[in-house]
Amino acid sequence: MALWGVVLLLIATSISVAVATVTLTTSGLTATVSNGDVTVVFNAHARVSSVKIDDVNIVSTTENSFYLDWNENGEVSFSPSSLTVVNDTDSLAHFYWLQDGASDQFEIELHYLMVEGISGVYSWAKFINSQSANVSLGEARTVYRFNADLLTQGTNQARSGTLYLYSYLNTQTKVQDETWELADGTYYTKYDYAGYLRNTTYQGVYGSGYGAFLISPSREYHAGGPLKQDLLIHQDSLITNYFVSSHFGTSGLTAPSGWTHIYGPWLLYFNTGTNSAILSDVATQAETEKDSWPYSFVNDDDYPVDRGTVKGTITGQPLATIMLYDTEETSYDDQQLGYAFTTESDSSGSYTLKNVRPGIYNVVAYPVAGQGSENEAKTTVTVAAGETVTVSSLDLPEPDDIIWNIGETNRRSSEFKYSTELRNYLYETLPPETLTFTIGTSTDADDWYYAQSQAGIWTIEYDDAKDGNTRTLRVALAAASQSPHLIVSVNSHKVGDVYYGNDQAVYRSAMQSGTFHSNVFTVTNAQVVNGTNTITLQVSKGKVMYDAISF
């Protein structure tokens, strides 16, 4: 549904019934924009000093709000040199601040757009490398800080609850990076409210009759792969939107000369009512925004409104994750430069991706059920505006003669104990240093844990007999944190000795994944014994999550 076609429908769920005209006032680098539902006041740094609803300011007045910054050998903040008004009518106001591309920095346009009848303001950021050489950064984000005395609750769709204040947390026992043990023995960390970006349409804060949310109908603009996680909200009533970050195992951005990228757009949406009414309303608004995507009001050649559709079929293991990503990238899980589109196939192997930007893409598929954790199928596809293209069949053959398995491959530890709990530091303290899992009697959900988070040895016991054949042992990791060292032995014969990097996932309260690693080991007939066999998984340092283990 086109944006303008839903305006009248939105009146019923917006803050006020009457539709007021949009007004924009600028002076130098300052701006004030209003549409009767909400009034936003920007200072000369393109930061917000006031967001008023019913004449109540819901943003923090003591600290900065609505800001763009990035990490480039230290934190650097957006510093505009000009303010440009693109459109200023009774129904729409569009304006942006420009930061010139100083030496070794990006040129950045920070856009805002308000329309009549929607209680919020749209925003996006365009990064341009106008330098003659590469430009790099470690992370880039926007941050929105609200009045923590008013908006005390938060949601990232996966969980909702009370957000603490730093002033309170600083009186508690700090355990590690932004993690505290509270007086009642429970734990809180800002990573409690992290989440999977591509599964999150909105995140926000609310309370005292007011709500503030970031609605992102498409996550195509983010770095990272299908399972990219990041901070969404946290203490002090903060909403964050990370474009690029090293959280949970991804890297920073290095962009070549001439590179451009539009991060967004997203809607900063404000509503009123009871807590339950606010949450119901934002969920409805999020669906409306998805129906309106791509937004017709973005007039930029780097944001094509006319797009294509990609269809295809997975053979072999039909249930799979599919991702389209830039052909300049070497790793889809750590893609940074282009735009990414992800989906999952159905039980017949069919999948469809709509609203794909025209261009040439790499296509990758990997299984999310069964075995064969190392399986990937790749091809390329060219997408044209207004057309539907069918990808050549992607085959994910499942290995034959599986003797036993623990879990099914989906690059998550989602079938194991505690994996479905809400994120919290507590859970990494609970798995034992040693355990024995007996094939045939132990169960994945009760006897195998979401993470091997303590140094020690986990043992698998199973029955086998020498038959002259070699075996294949697959040990797929869903995460590897704090540079773990894993030694894999079969009946005391070492078959694997692997060191990994640090994806930061386990100790930052991820419950199912970080960076995926496929390990396929060969077990010779000589290493097999008749009767009870043992496999040991020894973690001498660090922490790991297992995706699936099969033999």
Protein backbone atom coordinates (compact mmCIF):
# COMPACT_ATOMS: atom_id res chain seq x y z
CA MET A 1 0.00 0.00 0.00
CA ALA A 2 1.40 3.40 -0.92
CA LEU A 3 2.31 5.69 1.95
CA TRP A 4 -0.18 8.38 1.00
CA GLY A 5 -2.94 5.78 0.70
CA VAL A 6 -2.64 4.78 4.34
CA VAL A 7 -2.55 8.25 5.88
CA LEU A 8 -6.28 8.31 6.60
CA LEU A 9 -6.10 4.82 8.11
CA LEU A 10 -3.27 5.94 10.35
CA ILE A 11 -5.26 8.81 11.82
CA ALA A 12 -7.13 6.32 14.00
CA THR A 13 -3.93 5.09 15.62
CA SER A 14 -1.95 8.32 15.66
CA ILE A 15 -1.73 10.58 18.64
CA SER A 16 -4.40 13.03 17.51
CA VAL A 17 -7.44 12.70 15.29
CA ALA A 18 -7.06 15.93 13.35
CA VAL A 19 -4.53 16.07 10.51
CA ALA A 20 -2.47 19.25 10.80
CA THR A 21 -0.20 20.66 8.15
CA VAL A 22 3.55 20.19 8.36
CA THR A 23 5.59 23.24 9.33
CA LEU A 24 9.37 23.62 9.10
CA THR A 25 11.35 26.53 10.52
CA THR A 26 15.11 26.83 10.04
CA SER A 27 17.69 29.33 11.23
CA GLY A 28 21.33 28.75 10.42
CA LEU A 29 21.93 25.10 11.33
CA THR A 30 18.89 24.81 13.62
CA ALA A 31 15.49 23.43 12.65
CA THR A 32 12.04 22.87 14.15
CA VAL A 33 9.54 20.61 12.41
CA SER A 34 5.96 19.83 13.45
CA ASN A 35 2.83 18.20 12.06
CA GLY A 36 0.41 18.68 14.96
CA ASP A 37 1.10 15.21 16.34
CA VAL A 38 4.71 15.81 17.29
CA THR A 39 7.17 18.73 17.33
CA VAL A 40 10.92 18.09 17.04
CA VAL A 41 13.52 20.77 17.78
CA PHE A 42 17.06 20.31 16.39
CA ASN A 43 20.11 22.30 17.47
CA ALA A 44 23.02 23.38 15.29
CA HIS A 45 24.76 20.00 15.81
CA ALA A 46 21.79 18.16 14.25
CA ARG A 47 20.92 16.85 17.70
CA VAL A 48 17.51 17.07 19.30
CA SER A 49 16.73 19.16 22.35
CA SER A 50 13.00 18.52 22.36
CA VAL A 51 10.41 16.04 21.11
CA LYS A 52 7.05 17.30 22.29
CA ILE A 53 3.81 15.34 22.34
CA ASP A 54 0.82 17.09 23.91
CA ASP A 55 3.36 19.73 24.97
CA VAL A 56 5.36 17.15 26.98
CA ASN A 57 9.06 16.77 26.12
CA ILE A 58 9.90 13.06 26.06
CA VAL A 59 13.64 13.25 25.28
CA SER A 60 16.45 13.60 27.80
CA THR A 61 17.19 17.22 28.59
CA THR A 62 20.43 16.49 30.45
CA GLU A 63 22.28 14.47 27.80
CA ASN A 64 22.56 14.42 24.01
CA SER A 65 19.78 12.82 22.02
CA PHE A 66 19.30 11.95 18.36
CA TYR A 67 22.94 11.79 17.36
CA LEU A 68 25.08 10.04 14.78
CA ASP A 69 28.59 8.91 15.66
CA TRP A 70 31.19 6.33 14.70
CA ASN A 71 34.39 4.79 15.93
CA GLU A 72 37.49 5.80 14.00
CA ASN A 73 40.53 5.55 16.29
CA GLY A 74 38.22 6.90 18.97
CA GLU A 75 34.62 8.08 18.95
CA VAL A 76 33.82 10.75 16.34
CA SER A 77 30.53 12.64 16.22
CA PHE A 78 28.67 14.00 13.22
CA SER A 79 29.64 17.65 12.71
CA PRO A 80 27.47 19.39 10.11
CA SER A 81 28.61 22.34 8.03
CA SER A 82 25.31 23.09 6.28
CA LEU A 83 21.57 22.53 6.45
CA THR A 84 19.58 22.07 3.23
CA VAL A 85 15.80 22.12 2.84
CA VAL A 86 14.79 19.73 0.05
CA ASN A 87 11.00 20.06 0.32
CA ASP A 88 8.78 22.25 2.46
CA THR A 89 5.06 21.89 1.79
CA ASP A 90 1.91 21.60 3.90
CA SER A 91 2.10 17.81 3.65
CA LEU A 92 5.84 17.10 3.75
CA ALA A 93 9.09 18.61 5.03
CA HIS A 94 12.45 17.12 4.02
CA PHE A 95 15.79 18.52 5.15
CA TYR A 96 19.30 17.28 5.78
CA TRP A 97 22.57 18.28 7.40
CA LEU A 98 25.83 17.76 5.54
CA GLN A 99 29.20 16.92 7.03
CA ASP A 100 31.98 17.63 4.55
CA GLY A 101 34.41 14.82 3.92
CA ALA A 102 37.41 16.00 5.91
CA SER A 103 40.69 14.15 5.52
CA ASP A 104 40.21 10.40 6.11
CA GLN A 105 36.49 10.83 6.85
CA PHE A 106 33.24 10.19 5.04
CA GLU A 107 31.05 12.89 3.63
CA ILE A 108 27.71 12.32 5.38
CA GLU A 109 24.18 13.50 4.74
CA LEU A 110 21.84 13.09 7.73
CA HIS A 111 18.25 13.31 6.50
CA TYR A 112 14.94 13.89 8.29
CA LEU A 113 11.50 13.93 6.73
CA MET A 114 8.09 14.54 8.30
CA VAL A 115 4.71 13.96 6.66
CA GLU A 116 1.23 14.90 7.73
CA GLY A 117 -0.83 12.36 9.64
CA ILE A 118 2.03 10.24 10.99
CA SER A 119 3.21 10.87 14.52
CA GLY A 120 6.90 10.68 13.90
CA VAL A 121 9.79 11.62 11.66
CA TYR A 122 11.62 9.52 9.06
CA SER A 123 15.41 9.51 8.92
CA TRP A 124 18.31 8.08 6.96
CA ALA A 125 22.03 8.66 6.56
CA LYS A 126 24.02 8.66 3.33
CA PHE A 127 27.74 7.93 3.60
CA ILE A 128 30.01 8.97 0.70
CA ASN A 129 33.71 8.27 0.37
CA SER A 130 34.81 11.38 -1.52
CA GLN A 131 38.47 10.74 -0.66
CA SER A 132 41.04 9.39 -3.11
CA ALA A 133 41.79 6.42 -0.82
CA ASN A 134 39.96 3.95 1.38
CA VAL A 135 38.13 5.23 4.44
CA SER A 136 37.56 2.95 7.44
CA LEU A 137 35.54 2.93 10.64
CA GLY A 138 34.94 0.42 13.40
CA GLU A 139 31.27 1.09 13.96
CA ALA A 140 28.60 3.60 12.98
CA ARG A 141 25.25 4.21 14.63
CA THR A 142 22.47 6.60 15.55
CA VAL A 143 21.41 6.96 19.19
CA TYR A 144 18.14 8.30 20.60
CA ARG A 145 18.06 9.09 24.32
CA PHE A 146 14.68 9.67 25.96
CA ASN A 147 13.50 10.87 29.35
CA ALA A 148 14.32 7.89 31.55
CA ASP A 149 12.00 9.10 34.31
CA LEU A 150 9.05 8.94 31.92
CA LEU A 151 9.86 6.12 29.49
CA THR A 152 10.96 3.45 31.94
CA GLN A 153 10.08 0.37 29.87
CA GLY A 154 11.69 -1.06 26.77
CA THR A 155 11.07 -3.66 24.08
CA ASN A 156 13.04 -5.24 21.26
CA GLN A 157 10.11 -7.53 20.29
CA ALA A 158 11.86 -10.54 21.81
CA ARG A 159 11.49 -9.17 25.33
CA SER A 160 9.91 -6.26 27.17
CA GLY A 161 10.67 -4.96 30.65
CA THR A 162 11.97 -2.23 32.92
CA LEU A 163 15.14 -0.45 31.89
CA TYR A 164 17.55 0.49 34.65
CA LEU A 165 19.26 3.83 35.15
CA TYR A 166 23.04 4.16 35.12
CA SER A 167 22.78 6.04 38.39
CA TYR A 168 21.33 2.87 39.96
CA LEU A 169 23.60 0.40 38.15
CA ASN A 170 26.71 2.24 39.30
CA THR A 171 25.74 1.38 42.88
CA GLN A 172 25.71 -2.34 42.05
CA THR A 173 28.54 -4.85 41.58
CA LYS A 174 30.03 -4.64 38.11
CA VAL A 175 30.91 -8.08 36.77
CA GLN A 176 32.32 -7.22 33.33
CA ASP A 177 31.67 -5.02 30.30
CA GLU A 178 28.35 -3.23 31.00
CA THR A 179 27.19 -6.13 33.22
CA TRP A 180 26.14 -5.87 36.87
CA GLU A 181 25.13 -8.23 39.65
CA LEU A 182 22.18 -6.60 41.38
CA ALA A 183 21.44 -6.57 45.10
CA ASP A 184 18.91 -9.40 44.74
CA GLY A 185 21.51 -11.69 43.12
CA THR A 186 20.20 -11.33 39.57
CA TYR A 187 22.18 -9.91 36.68
CA TYR A 188 21.60 -7.09 34.24
CA THR A 189 23.62 -6.23 31.15
CA LYS A 190 22.94 -3.85 28.31
CA TYR A 191 23.25 -6.90 26.06
CA ASP A 192 20.03 -8.30 27.57
CA TYR A 193 18.18 -6.25 24.97
CA ALA A 194 20.40 -7.07 21.99
CA GLY A 195 18.75 -8.99 19.20
CA TYR A 196 18.86 -10.35 15.66
CA LEU A 197 18.64 -7.27 13.43
CA ARG A 198 16.97 -8.94 10.48
CA ASN A 199 14.27 -10.38 12.75
CA THR A 200 13.54 -7.04 14.42
CA THR A 201 11.14 -4.60 12.77
CA TYR A 202 10.98 -2.18 15.70
CA GLN A 203 12.57 -1.45 19.06
CA GLY A 204 11.74 1.25 21.55
CA VAL A 205 10.97 2.65 24.98
CA TYR A 206 7.69 3.57 26.62
CA GLY A 207 5.96 4.43 29.87
CA SER A 208 3.91 7.11 31.66
CA GLY A 209 1.53 7.18 28.72
CA TYR A 210 4.16 7.79 25.99
CA GLY A 211 6.05 5.60 23.54
CA ALA A 212 9.07 6.17 21.27
CA PHE A 213 10.13 3.59 18.70
CA LEU A 214 12.48 3.04 15.80
CA ILE A 215 10.65 1.18 13.04
CA SER A 216 12.86 -0.24 10.30
CA PRO A 217 10.68 -1.94 7.66
CA SER A 218 13.76 -3.26 5.86
CA ARG A 219 17.15 -4.19 7.29
CA GLU A 220 18.81 -4.34 3.88
CA TYR A 221 21.19 -1.53 4.77
CA HIS A 222 22.91 -3.18 7.76
CA ALA A 223 26.28 -4.89 7.69
CA GLY A 224 26.57 -8.55 8.66
CA GLY A 225 24.81 -11.74 7.67
CA PRO A 226 21.45 -13.40 8.32
CA LEU A 227 22.24 -13.87 12.02
CA LYS A 228 23.78 -10.46 12.64
CA GLN A 229 23.05 -9.34 16.23
CA ASP A 230 23.45 -5.95 17.80
CA LEU A 231 22.37 -3.65 20.59
CA LEU A 232 18.82 -2.36 20.14
CA ILE A 233 17.90 -0.61 23.40
CA HIS A 234 19.45 -0.41 26.84
CA GLN A 235 19.62 1.37 30.17
CA ASP A 236 18.83 5.07 30.48
CA SER A 237 15.99 4.81 27.95
CA LEU A 238 18.26 4.54 24.90
CA ILE A 239 17.35 3.36 21.39
CA THR A 240 20.27 2.50 19.11
CA ASN A 241 20.51 1.74 15.41
CA TYR A 242 23.89 0.22 14.54
CA PHE A 243 24.70 0.28 10.83
CA VAL A 244 28.13 -1.30 11.26
CA SER A 245 29.66 -2.76 14.42
CA SER A 246 32.06 -5.36 15.79
CA HIS A 247 29.52 -6.61 18.31
CA PHE A 248 28.97 -10.38 18.11
CA GLY A 249 31.74 -11.23 15.69
CA THR A 250 31.55 -8.87 12.73
CA SER A 251 34.21 -6.42 11.62
CA GLY A 252 34.39 -2.74 10.79
CA LEU A 253 33.99 -1.08 7.40
CA THR A 254 36.66 -0.25 4.84
CA ALA A 255 35.11 1.56 1.87
CA PRO A 256 36.91 2.29 -1.42
CA SER A 257 37.03 5.69 -3.04
CA GLY A 258 33.71 6.64 -4.64
CA TRP A 259 31.66 4.28 -2.46
CA THR A 260 28.22 5.43 -1.30
CA HIS A 261 25.67 3.80 0.96
CA ILE A 262 22.27 4.80 2.29
CA TYR A 263 21.61 3.54 5.81
CA GLY A 264 17.84 3.50 6.29
CA PRO A 265 15.30 4.97 6.04
CA TRP A 266 13.57 4.23 9.34
CA LEU A 267 10.68 5.87 11.15
CA LEU A 268 11.05 7.39 14.62
CA TYR A 269 7.49 6.87 15.79
CA PHE A 270 5.79 8.34 18.84
CA ASN A 271 2.46 7.30 20.36
CA THR A 272 0.42 7.55 23.54
CA GLY A 273 -1.82 5.35 25.68
CA THR A 274 -1.52 2.53 28.15
CA ASN A 275 1.55 0.33 27.85
CA SER A 276 -0.43 -2.43 26.15
CA ALA A 277 -2.10 0.02 23.76
CA ILE A 278 1.26 1.57 22.89
CA LEU A 279 2.78 -1.84 22.08
CA SER A 280 -0.23 -2.91 20.03
CA ASP A 281 -0.19 0.35 18.10
CA VAL A 282 3.51 0.23 17.21
CA ALA A 283 3.15 -3.36 15.96
CA THR A 284 0.34 -2.20 13.67
CA GLN A 285 2.37 0.79 12.51
CA ALA A 286 5.34 -1.46 11.75
CA GLU A 287 3.19 -3.56 9.42
CA THR A 288 1.98 -0.38 7.71
CA GLU A 289 5.57 0.75 7.15
CA LYS A 290 6.50 -2.64 5.70
CA ASP A 291 3.59 -2.35 3.26
CA SER A 292 4.86 1.11 2.27
CA TRP A 293 8.41 -0.08 1.53
CA PRO A 294 10.33 1.10 -0.43
CA TYR A 295 9.40 4.65 0.48
CA SER A 296 8.44 6.77 -2.52
CA PHE A 297 9.50 10.00 -0.81
CA VAL A 298 13.24 9.24 -0.97
CA ASN A 299 14.46 10.98 -4.10
CA ASP A 300 17.99 9.65 -4.53
CA ASP A 301 19.54 7.58 -7.31
CA ASP A 302 21.17 5.43 -4.62
CA TYR A 303 17.73 4.48 -3.32
CA PRO A 304 15.81 2.83 -6.17
CA VAL A 305 12.06 2.72 -5.67
CA ASP A 306 11.50 0.38 -8.64
CA ARG A 307 12.74 -3.01 -7.57
CA GLY A 308 12.69 -6.67 -8.51
CA THR A 309 11.71 -10.06 -7.12
CA VAL A 310 13.93 -13.11 -6.73
CA LYS A 311 12.54 -16.65 -6.57
CA GLY A 312 14.17 -20.03 -6.34
CA THR A 313 14.16 -23.59 -5.05
CA ILE A 314 16.44 -25.48 -2.70
CA THR A 315 16.97 -29.17 -3.41
CA GLY A 316 18.38 -31.78 -1.06
CA GLN A 317 17.74 -30.30 2.38
CA PRO A 318 14.77 -28.07 1.53
CA LEU A 319 14.77 -25.91 4.69
CA ALA A 320 17.47 -23.31 4.24
CA THR A 321 18.48 -19.70 4.83
CA ILE A 322 19.05 -17.76 1.62
CA MET A 323 20.96 -14.49 1.34
CA LEU A 324 21.68 -12.08 -1.51
CA TYR A 325 24.74 -9.91 -1.01
CA ASP A 326 27.17 -7.70 -2.90
CA THR A 327 29.46 -9.44 -5.39
CA GLU A 328 32.42 -7.39 -4.12
CA GLU A 329 32.24 -9.15 -0.75
CA THR A 330 34.17 -12.30 0.11
CA SER A 331 32.15 -13.24 3.23
CA TYR A 332 28.38 -12.95 3.42
CA ASP A 333 28.40 -13.25 7.23
CA ASP A 334 30.65 -10.20 7.40
CA GLN A 335 29.44 -8.22 4.37
CA GLN A 336 29.84 -4.48 4.82
CA LEU A 337 29.79 -2.66 1.51
CA GLY A 338 26.47 -3.43 -0.13
CA TYR A 339 22.86 -4.28 0.59
CA ALA A 340 21.72 -7.68 1.82
CA PHE A 341 18.43 -9.55 1.50
CA THR A 342 17.60 -12.70 3.46
CA THR A 343 14.77 -15.18 3.79
CA GLU A 344 14.11 -18.87 4.53
CA SER A 345 12.70 -21.49 2.20
CA ASP A 346 9.55 -23.44 2.98
CA SER A 347 9.22 -27.20 3.41
CA SER A 348 9.19 -27.66 -0.38
CA GLY A 349 12.40 -25.65 -0.77
CA SER A 350 10.71 -22.65 -2.38
CA TYR A 351 11.60 -19.08 -1.47
CA THR A 352 10.83 -15.52 -2.60
CA LEU A 353 12.61 -12.24 -1.95
CA LYS A 354 10.67 -9.09 -2.81
CA ASN A 355 11.75 -5.46 -3.13
CA VAL A 356 15.32 -6.32 -4.09
CA ARG A 357 17.39 -3.43 -5.38
CA PRO A 358 18.41 -3.84 -9.05
CA GLY A 359 21.94 -5.16 -9.39
CA ILE A 360 24.16 -8.23 -9.50
CA TYR A 361 24.28 -10.32 -6.33
CA ASN A 362 25.94 -13.36 -4.91
CA VAL A 363 23.39 -15.89 -3.66
CA VAL A 364 24.17 -18.29 -0.83
CA ALA A 365 22.07 -20.95 0.87
CA TYR A 366 22.78 -23.10 3.90
CA PRO A 367 20.60 -25.69 5.68
CA VAL A 368 18.59 -24.94 8.81
CA ALA A 369 17.57 -28.53 9.49
CA GLY A 370 19.09 -31.99 9.24
CA GLN A 371 22.82 -32.62 9.08
CA GLY A 372 25.68 -31.50 6.88
CA SER A 373 26.66 -28.39 8.79
CA GLU A 374 29.38 -27.54 6.25
CA ASN A 375 26.92 -27.42 3.36
CA GLU A 376 26.62 -24.21 1.35
CA ALA A 377 25.39 -23.63 -2.18
CA LYS A 378 26.31 -20.48 -4.11
CA THR A 379 25.47 -18.80 -7.39
CA THR A 380 24.89 -15.29 -8.74
CA VAL A 381 21.77 -13.47 -9.92
CA THR A 382 21.04 -10.25 -11.80
CA VAL A 383 17.99 -8.34 -10.59
CA ALA A 384 16.17 -5.85 -12.80
CA ALA A 385 13.54 -3.31 -11.77
CA GLY A 386 9.97 -4.51 -12.19
CA GLU A 387 10.97 -8.06 -13.08
CA THR A 388 10.97 -11.45 -11.38
CA VAL A 389 14.07 -13.58 -11.80
CA THR A 390 14.37 -17.27 -10.92
CA VAL A 391 17.66 -18.44 -9.44
CA SER A 392 19.08 -21.69 -10.72
CA SER A 393 18.42 -24.54 -8.30
CA LEU A 394 20.66 -24.58 -5.22
CA ASP A 395 21.47 -28.09 -4.00
CA LEU A 396 22.19 -28.91 -0.35
CA PRO A 397 22.68 -32.70 -0.27
CA GLU A 398 22.39 -34.20 3.19
CA PRO A 399 25.17 -36.63 4.19
CA ASP A 400 24.31 -40.33 4.03
CA ASP A 401 24.70 -42.92 6.78
CA ILE A 402 24.40 -40.66 9.83
CA ILE A 403 25.00 -42.97 12.81
CA TRP A 404 23.93 -40.41 15.42
CA ASN A 405 23.65 -36.70 15.93
CA ILE A 406 23.25 -34.11 18.67
CA GLY A 407 21.08 -31.28 17.37
CA GLU A 408 20.34 -30.31 13.79
CA THR A 409 22.34 -27.81 11.81
CA ASN A 410 20.93 -24.28 11.67
CA ARG A 411 24.01 -22.33 12.84
CA ARG A 412 22.38 -21.86 16.23
CA SER A 413 22.46 -23.74 19.52
CA SER A 414 18.68 -23.48 19.53
CA GLU A 415 17.89 -27.08 20.54
CA PHE A 416 20.01 -27.19 23.68
CA LYS A 417 19.42 -26.43 27.34
CA TYR A 418 18.83 -22.72 28.15
CA SER A 419 19.05 -21.68 24.48
CA THR A 420 15.44 -20.45 24.43
CA GLU A 421 15.81 -18.35 27.58
CA LEU A 422 15.91 -14.57 27.32
CA ARG A 423 19.42 -13.17 27.10
CA ASN A 424 21.12 -12.84 30.47
CA TYR A 425 24.61 -13.20 31.91
CA LEU A 426 23.34 -15.80 34.40
CA TYR A 427 23.16 -18.59 31.83
CA GLU A 428 26.82 -18.69 30.93
CA THR A 429 27.55 -19.46 34.59
CA LEU A 430 25.31 -22.57 34.64
CA PRO A 431 26.77 -25.16 32.20
CA PRO A 432 29.05 -27.66 33.93
CA GLU A 433 32.76 -28.05 33.40
CA THR A 434 32.29 -31.75 32.68
CA LEU A 435 29.37 -33.79 31.42
CA THR A 436 28.68 -37.13 29.78
CA PHE A 437 26.10 -37.36 27.01
CA THR A 438 25.07 -40.92 26.17
CA ILE A 439 23.71 -41.47 22.69
CA GLY A 440 20.34 -43.22 22.90
CA THR A 441 19.45 -42.13 26.42
CA SER A 442 20.48 -38.48 26.85
CA THR A 443 18.39 -35.74 25.21
CA ASP A 444 19.45 -32.58 23.44
CA ALA A 445 17.12 -30.27 25.36
CA ASP A 446 17.96 -31.57 28.84
CA ASP A 447 21.51 -32.94 28.75
CA TRP A 448 23.40 -30.77 26.25
CA TYR A 449 23.85 -27.10 27.06
CA TYR A 450 23.62 -24.06 24.81
CA ALA A 451 27.29 -23.24 25.53
CA GLN A 452 30.42 -24.91 26.84
CA SER A 453 31.25 -21.82 28.84
CA GLN A 454 33.65 -23.27 31.41
CA ALA A 455 37.06 -24.77 30.77
CA GLY A 456 36.66 -28.53 30.96
CA ILE A 457 35.77 -31.70 29.06
CA TRP A 458 32.42 -32.77 27.66
CA THR A 459 32.16 -36.46 26.75
CA ILE A 460 29.93 -38.25 24.26
CA GLU A 461 29.46 -42.01 24.67
CA TYR A 462 28.10 -44.20 21.89
CA ASP A 463 28.25 -47.79 20.68
CA ASP A 464 30.20 -48.74 17.59
CA ALA A 465 32.17 -51.60 16.10
CA LYS A 466 35.16 -51.89 13.80
CA ASP A 467 34.02 -52.55 10.24
CA GLY A 468 36.98 -51.43 8.13
CA ASN A 469 35.43 -48.05 7.29
CA THR A 470 36.45 -44.56 8.28
CA ARG A 471 33.95 -42.24 9.97
CA THR A 472 33.26 -38.52 9.57
CA LEU A 473 32.82 -36.47 12.72
CA ARG A 474 31.20 -33.06 12.24
CA VAL A 475 31.56 -30.60 15.10
CA ALA A 476 29.93 -27.35 14.05
CA LEU A 477 30.22 -24.33 16.32
CA ALA A 478 27.50 -21.69 16.52
CA ALA A 479 29.84 -19.35 18.42
CA ALA A 480 33.44 -19.07 19.62
CA SER A 481 34.15 -16.45 22.26
CA GLN A 482 37.25 -15.25 24.11
CA SER A 483 39.57 -17.01 21.63
CA PRO A 484 38.77 -20.60 22.61
CA HIS A 485 40.99 -23.63 22.15
CA LEU A 486 39.08 -26.84 21.32
CA ILE A 487 40.67 -30.30 21.37
CA VAL A 488 38.58 -33.13 19.90
CA SER A 489 39.53 -36.75 20.68
CA VAL A 490 38.02 -40.12 19.79
CA ASN A 491 38.90 -42.90 22.21
CA SER A 492 41.88 -40.80 23.37
CA HIS A 493 43.07 -40.26 19.77
CA LYS A 494 43.29 -36.57 18.99
CA VAL A 495 41.46 -35.81 15.73
CA GLY A 496 41.11 -32.04 16.07
CA ASP A 497 43.05 -29.22 17.72
CA VAL A 498 41.59 -25.85 16.77
CA TYR A 499 42.05 -22.25 17.89
CA TYR A 500 39.40 -19.61 17.17
CA GLY A 501 39.07 -15.86 17.36
CA ASN A 502 36.73 -13.93 19.63
CA ASP A 503 33.17 -13.25 18.43
CA GLN A 504 32.19 -11.77 21.84
CA ALA A 505 28.89 -13.67 21.74
CA VAL A 506 28.77 -15.99 24.77
CA TYR A 507 29.96 -13.46 27.36
CA ARG A 508 27.67 -10.79 25.91
CA SER A 509 24.60 -12.89 26.66
CA ALA A 510 23.94 -14.31 23.19
CA MET A 511 21.93 -17.47 23.70
CA GLN A 512 22.12 -19.12 20.28
CA SER A 513 24.86 -17.85 18.00
CA GLY A 514 27.91 -15.77 17.25
CA THR A 515 30.32 -16.63 14.43
CA PHE A 516 29.75 -19.99 12.77
CA HIS A 517 32.60 -22.49 12.32
CA SER A 518 32.44 -25.79 10.44
CA ASN A 519 34.78 -28.58 11.55
CA VAL A 520 34.88 -31.92 9.75
CA PHE A 521 37.22 -34.53 11.20
CA THR A 522 38.14 -37.99 9.93
CA VAL A 523 38.07 -40.95 12.33
CA THR A 524 39.95 -44.00 11.09
CA ASN A 525 38.82 -47.57 11.60
CA ALA A 526 41.86 -48.07 13.84
CA GLN A 527 40.54 -45.37 16.20
CA VAL A 528 37.18 -47.15 16.61
CA VAL A 529 36.70 -49.76 19.35
CA ASN A 530 34.11 -52.49 19.67
CA GLY A 531 31.49 -51.54 22.23
CA THR A 532 31.39 -48.17 24.01
CA ASN A 533 33.30 -45.39 22.26
CA THR A 534 33.98 -41.93 23.65
CA ILE A 535 34.43 -38.55 22.03
CA THR A 536 35.80 -35.77 24.22
CA LEU A 537 35.45 -32.07 23.55
CA GLN A 538 38.01 -30.25 25.67
CA VAL A 539 37.88 -26.48 25.97
CA SER A 540 41.12 -25.36 27.59
CA LYS A 541 40.22 -21.67 27.38
CA GLY A 542 37.41 -19.51 26.04
CA LYS A 543 33.78 -20.46 25.41
CA VAL A 544 31.96 -22.16 22.54
CA MET A 545 28.42 -22.88 21.40
CA TYR A 546 27.65 -25.99 19.37
CA ASP A 547 25.39 -25.91 16.34
CA ALA A 548 25.25 -29.65 15.69
CA ILE A 549 27.47 -32.68 16.12
CA SER A 550 27.06 -35.74 13.90
CA PHE A 551 28.92 -38.99 13.32
